[in-house]
Amino acid sequence: MGITQDELARTLGVTRQTIIAVEKGTYCASLPLAHKIAAFFGESIENVFIFEEDK
């Protein structure tokens, strides 16, 4: 979409480090944050995030 991690973070009200951690899968986004991310991209949460149960 031509947006930087920093621009996305500022738009969503989080830090760039949060966006990086979500992308890497080292941080599970809260439901409100997941909703904000999905809404930003015009997608459903299910289309943006893959749910994997802990083993």
N, C-alpha and C. Protein backbone atom coordinates (compact mmCIF):
# COMPACT_ATOMS: atom_id res chain seq x y z
N MET A 1 0.83 -1.21 0.00
CA MET A 1 0.00 0.00 0.00
C MET A 1 0.86 1.26 0.00
N GLY A 2 2.15 1.09 0.05
CA GLY A 2 3.02 2.25 0.02
C GLY A 2 3.07 3.02 1.32
N ILE A 3 2.84 2.34 2.43
CA ILE A 3 2.86 2.99 3.74
C ILE A 3 3.99 2.35 4.57
N THR A 4 4.68 3.16 5.33
CA THR A 4 5.75 2.63 6.16
C THR A 4 5.19 2.08 7.46
N GLN A 5 6.00 1.30 8.15
CA GLN A 5 5.59 0.79 9.46
C GLN A 5 5.34 1.95 10.42
N ASP A 6 6.16 2.98 10.34
CA ASP A 6 6.01 4.13 11.21
C ASP A 6 4.69 4.86 10.93
N GLU A 7 4.36 5.04 9.65
CA GLU A 7 3.10 5.70 9.31
C GLU A 7 1.90 4.88 9.78
N LEU A 8 1.96 3.57 9.60
CA LEU A 8 0.88 2.70 10.06
C LEU A 8 0.75 2.78 11.57
N ALA A 9 1.88 2.71 12.26
CA ALA A 9 1.86 2.77 13.72
C ALA A 9 1.23 4.08 14.20
N ARG A 10 1.64 5.20 13.62
CA ARG A 10 1.07 6.49 14.04
C ARG A 10 -0.43 6.55 13.76
N THR A 11 -0.85 6.01 12.63
CA THR A 11 -2.27 6.00 12.28
C THR A 11 -3.07 5.18 13.28
N LEU A 12 -2.49 4.07 13.74
CA LEU A 12 -3.19 3.16 14.65
C LEU A 12 -3.00 3.52 16.12
N GLY A 13 -2.09 4.45 16.39
CA GLY A 13 -1.86 4.86 17.78
C GLY A 13 -1.00 3.89 18.57
N VAL A 14 -0.08 3.20 17.88
CA VAL A 14 0.84 2.29 18.54
C VAL A 14 2.26 2.65 18.12
N THR A 15 3.24 1.93 18.65
CA THR A 15 4.62 2.19 18.27
C THR A 15 5.00 1.36 17.05
N ARG A 16 6.06 1.79 16.40
CA ARG A 16 6.59 1.04 15.26
C ARG A 16 7.03 -0.34 15.72
N GLN A 17 7.56 -0.43 16.93
CA GLN A 17 8.00 -1.72 17.46
C GLN A 17 6.83 -2.70 17.59
N THR A 18 5.65 -2.17 17.92
CA THR A 18 4.46 -3.03 18.00
C THR A 18 4.13 -3.60 16.63
N ILE A 19 4.18 -2.76 15.60
CA ILE A 19 3.88 -3.22 14.24
C ILE A 19 4.90 -4.28 13.82
N ILE A 20 6.17 -4.04 14.11
CA ILE A 20 7.21 -5.01 13.76
C ILE A 20 6.95 -6.34 14.46
N ALA A 21 6.63 -6.30 15.75
CA ALA A 21 6.38 -7.52 16.52
C ALA A 21 5.16 -8.28 16.00
N VAL A 22 4.11 -7.56 15.61
CA VAL A 22 2.92 -8.22 15.05
C VAL A 22 3.29 -8.88 13.73
N GLU A 23 4.05 -8.19 12.89
CA GLU A 23 4.45 -8.76 11.60
C GLU A 23 5.29 -10.02 11.78
N LYS A 24 6.20 -10.00 12.75
CA LYS A 24 7.08 -11.15 12.99
C LYS A 24 6.38 -12.29 13.71
N GLY A 25 5.24 -12.00 14.32
CA GLY A 25 4.52 -13.02 15.06
C GLY A 25 5.02 -13.19 16.48
N THR A 26 5.81 -12.23 16.96
CA THR A 26 6.31 -12.32 18.34
C THR A 26 5.38 -11.63 19.32
N TYR A 27 4.36 -10.96 18.81
CA TYR A 27 3.37 -10.28 19.64
C TYR A 27 2.01 -10.54 19.04
N CYS A 28 1.08 -11.01 19.86
CA CYS A 28 -0.29 -11.23 19.42
C CYS A 28 -1.07 -9.94 19.65
N ALA A 29 -1.57 -9.38 18.58
CA ALA A 29 -2.32 -8.14 18.68
C ALA A 29 -3.58 -8.35 19.52
N SER A 30 -3.90 -7.37 20.33
CA SER A 30 -5.16 -7.41 21.08
C SER A 30 -6.31 -7.35 20.07
N LEU A 31 -7.47 -7.75 20.49
CA LEU A 31 -8.63 -7.71 19.60
C LEU A 31 -8.90 -6.29 19.08
N PRO A 32 -8.85 -5.26 19.94
CA PRO A 32 -9.06 -3.90 19.41
C PRO A 32 -8.00 -3.50 18.38
N LEU A 33 -6.74 -3.87 18.62
CA LEU A 33 -5.69 -3.53 17.65
C LEU A 33 -5.87 -4.33 16.37
N ALA A 34 -6.21 -5.59 16.49
CA ALA A 34 -6.45 -6.42 15.30
C ALA A 34 -7.57 -5.83 14.46
N HIS A 35 -8.61 -5.35 15.12
CA HIS A 35 -9.73 -4.73 14.42
C HIS A 35 -9.27 -3.46 13.69
N LYS A 36 -8.46 -2.64 14.36
CA LYS A 36 -7.96 -1.41 13.74
C LYS A 36 -7.11 -1.72 12.52
N ILE A 37 -6.24 -2.72 12.63
CA ILE A 37 -5.38 -3.10 11.51
C ILE A 37 -6.22 -3.59 10.34
N ALA A 38 -7.16 -4.48 10.62
CA ALA A 38 -8.01 -5.01 9.56
C ALA A 38 -8.82 -3.91 8.90
N ALA A 39 -9.38 -3.02 9.71
CA ALA A 39 -10.18 -1.92 9.16
C ALA A 39 -9.32 -1.00 8.30
N PHE A 40 -8.10 -0.74 8.72
CA PHE A 40 -7.21 0.11 7.95
C PHE A 40 -7.02 -0.45 6.54
N PHE A 41 -6.85 -1.77 6.44
CA PHE A 41 -6.63 -2.40 5.15
C PHE A 41 -7.93 -2.79 4.44
N GLY A 42 -9.07 -2.48 5.06
CA GLY A 42 -10.36 -2.78 4.43
C GLY A 42 -10.65 -4.26 4.35
N GLU A 43 -10.17 -5.00 5.33
CA GLU A 43 -10.34 -6.45 5.34
C GLU A 43 -10.98 -6.88 6.66
N SER A 44 -11.41 -8.14 6.70
CA SER A 44 -11.88 -8.70 7.96
C SER A 44 -10.67 -9.17 8.76
N ILE A 45 -10.84 -9.32 10.06
CA ILE A 45 -9.75 -9.79 10.90
C ILE A 45 -9.27 -11.16 10.41
N GLU A 46 -10.20 -12.01 10.00
CA GLU A 46 -9.85 -13.35 9.55
C GLU A 46 -8.98 -13.34 8.30
N ASN A 47 -9.12 -12.31 7.47
CA ASN A 47 -8.32 -12.22 6.26
C ASN A 47 -6.93 -11.65 6.51
N VAL A 48 -6.75 -10.99 7.65
CA VAL A 48 -5.46 -10.38 7.96
C VAL A 48 -4.63 -11.25 8.88
N PHE A 49 -5.29 -11.91 9.82
CA PHE A 49 -4.58 -12.70 10.83
C PHE A 49 -4.91 -14.18 10.69
N ILE A 50 -3.90 -15.00 10.96
CA ILE A 50 -4.08 -16.45 10.96
C ILE A 50 -4.05 -16.90 12.41
N PHE A 51 -5.12 -17.53 12.86
CA PHE A 51 -5.19 -18.00 14.23
C PHE A 51 -4.53 -19.36 14.34
N GLU A 52 -3.58 -19.47 15.25
CA GLU A 52 -2.93 -20.75 15.51
C GLU A 52 -2.99 -21.00 17.01
N GLU A 53 -3.60 -22.10 17.38
CA GLU A 53 -3.67 -22.45 18.81
C GLU A 53 -2.30 -22.84 19.31
N ASP A 54 -2.03 -22.49 20.57
CA ASP A 54 -0.77 -22.89 21.19
C ASP A 54 -0.72 -24.39 21.30
N LYS A 55 0.45 -24.93 21.08
CA LYS A 55 0.61 -26.39 21.14
C LYS A 55 0.99 -26.84 22.51
